[in-house]
Amino acid sequence: WVVVTHSSPSVTMRWCAMVGCEGMRLVEDESRVIYASWGLGRSSLLHFMGWRSLRQVLRLRSEDGIRNTKPDGTRWQKAGTFALDAEGNVRWRHIPAHAGELPDLEAALGSLDLRRPLGR
């Protein structure tokens, strides 16, 4: 697992303490060059402030106790989730239609042949 953030190292470490990043490689991309290389540009106001995103924020707060926090970096950065095989080929991707749309990580894992060793 590789997690790419666009926050400062200190903010990234606080975030990891909250969500758990054990066993993950962390990459800080404050300039957002890596995001751009994967086709993840800036979002629109509708992307993160539209009704679908706001409804998801309210659901997460009421059902799971998850609260929105003050951003470090930018809320304008689009997110993406990718599953790559051992050769580096993209086997699955999720580019959310709105900020509240979360990836199906089971589907990401299912797209990979985990019987083969990962890495090079």
Protein backbone atom coordinates (compact mmCIF):
# COMPACT_ATOMS: atom_id res chain seq x y z
CA TRP A 1 0.00 0.00 0.00
CA VAL A 2 1.24 3.46 -0.92
CA VAL A 3 -0.53 6.53 0.44
CA VAL A 4 0.17 9.83 -1.30
CA THR A 5 -0.73 12.98 0.61
CA HIS A 6 -0.43 16.64 -0.29
CA SER A 7 -0.06 17.78 3.31
CA SER A 8 3.07 18.62 5.22
CA PRO A 9 4.93 15.76 6.95
CA SER A 10 3.71 16.80 10.42
CA VAL A 11 0.06 16.91 9.32
CA THR A 12 0.46 13.61 7.47
CA MET A 13 1.78 11.95 10.63
CA ARG A 14 -1.16 13.30 12.71
CA TRP A 15 -3.57 11.98 10.06
CA CYS A 16 -1.86 8.58 10.10
CA ALA A 17 -2.16 8.44 13.88
CA MET A 18 -5.93 8.96 13.50
CA VAL A 19 -6.63 6.55 10.64
CA GLY A 20 -3.82 4.01 11.01
CA CYS A 21 -1.08 3.74 8.41
CA GLU A 22 0.77 0.68 9.69
CA GLY A 23 2.35 -1.27 6.85
CA MET A 24 1.85 1.54 4.35
CA ARG A 25 4.44 3.55 2.50
CA LEU A 26 3.80 7.29 2.86
CA VAL A 27 4.68 9.74 0.12
CA GLU A 28 4.24 13.47 0.67
CA ASP A 29 3.47 15.40 -2.50
CA GLU A 30 2.92 18.98 -1.34
CA SER A 31 3.51 20.24 -4.90
CA ARG A 32 0.90 17.73 -6.17
CA VAL A 33 3.12 16.68 -9.10
CA ILE A 34 2.43 12.98 -8.45
CA TYR A 35 -1.32 13.64 -8.37
CA ALA A 36 -1.08 15.40 -11.74
CA SER A 37 0.96 12.55 -13.25
CA TRP A 38 -1.94 10.18 -12.42
CA GLY A 39 -4.49 12.53 -13.99
CA LEU A 40 -5.78 13.89 -10.69
CA GLY A 41 -6.20 17.62 -11.09
CA ARG A 42 -8.18 20.25 -9.28
CA SER A 43 -11.80 19.65 -8.45
CA SER A 44 -14.69 22.05 -8.77
CA LEU A 45 -16.79 23.66 -6.07
CA LEU A 46 -19.58 21.24 -6.95
CA HIS A 47 -17.19 18.28 -6.44
CA PHE A 48 -16.66 18.94 -2.72
CA MET A 49 -19.54 21.25 -1.81
CA GLY A 50 -22.30 19.70 -3.92
CA TRP A 51 -25.33 18.01 -2.41
CA ARG A 52 -23.91 14.47 -2.81
CA SER A 53 -20.72 15.38 -0.94
CA LEU A 54 -22.55 17.24 1.82
CA ARG A 55 -25.03 14.37 2.25
CA GLN A 56 -22.10 11.95 2.69
CA VAL A 57 -20.46 14.27 5.26
CA LEU A 58 -23.70 14.28 7.28
CA ARG A 59 -24.03 10.49 6.99
CA LEU A 60 -20.46 9.87 8.12
CA ARG A 61 -20.93 12.20 11.07
CA SER A 62 -24.22 10.70 12.22
CA GLU A 63 -23.48 7.01 11.54
CA ASP A 64 -19.75 6.72 12.13
CA GLY A 65 -18.86 9.79 14.22
CA ILE A 66 -16.44 11.00 11.52
CA ARG A 67 -16.13 14.77 11.40
CA ASN A 68 -14.79 16.97 8.67
CA THR A 69 -11.55 18.70 9.65
CA LYS A 70 -9.80 21.89 8.65
CA PRO A 71 -7.71 21.09 5.58
CA ASP A 72 -3.96 21.32 5.38
CA GLY A 73 -3.03 21.66 1.77
CA THR A 74 -6.05 22.14 -0.44
CA ARG A 75 -9.60 20.85 -0.65
CA TRP A 76 -9.41 21.43 -4.41
CA GLN A 77 -7.21 18.38 -5.02
CA LYS A 78 -9.08 15.43 -6.54
CA ALA A 79 -8.49 12.03 -5.01
CA GLY A 80 -7.97 8.70 -6.69
CA THR A 81 -7.39 5.08 -5.74
CA PHE A 82 -5.48 2.66 -7.95
CA ALA A 83 -4.59 -1.05 -7.82
CA LEU A 84 -1.44 -2.02 -9.70
CA ASP A 85 -0.16 -5.50 -10.45
CA ALA A 86 3.41 -6.67 -9.87
CA GLU A 87 4.46 -5.27 -13.27
CA GLY A 88 3.03 -1.83 -12.49
CA ASN A 89 -0.04 -2.13 -14.72
CA VAL A 90 -3.19 -0.43 -13.49
CA ARG A 91 -5.76 -3.20 -12.91
CA TRP A 92 -8.40 -1.10 -11.14
CA ARG A 93 -9.04 2.57 -10.47
CA HIS A 94 -11.57 4.75 -8.73
CA ILE A 95 -11.85 8.48 -9.45
CA PRO A 96 -14.73 9.73 -7.30
CA ALA A 97 -17.57 11.66 -8.92
CA HIS A 98 -17.81 13.75 -5.74
CA ALA A 99 -15.81 14.17 -2.55
CA GLY A 100 -18.10 11.90 -0.55
CA GLU A 101 -17.73 8.90 -2.85
CA LEU A 102 -15.40 6.33 -1.30
CA PRO A 103 -13.56 3.59 -3.21
CA ASP A 104 -14.54 -0.08 -2.99
CA LEU A 105 -11.27 -1.48 -1.63
CA GLU A 106 -12.58 -5.06 -1.82
CA ALA A 107 -13.03 -4.57 -5.57
CA ALA A 108 -9.50 -3.16 -5.77
CA LEU A 109 -8.08 -6.23 -4.04
CA GLY A 110 -10.23 -8.51 -6.17
CA SER A 111 -8.68 -7.06 -9.32
CA LEU A 112 -5.24 -8.36 -8.32
CA ASP A 113 -3.80 -11.87 -8.39
CA LEU A 114 -2.57 -11.94 -4.80
CA ARG A 115 -1.12 -15.42 -5.18
CA ARG A 116 1.81 -13.84 -6.98
CA PRO A 117 4.40 -11.96 -4.90
CA LEU A 118 4.16 -8.19 -5.20
CA GLY A 119 7.22 -6.07 -5.73
CA ARG A 120 10.07 -6.20 -8.17
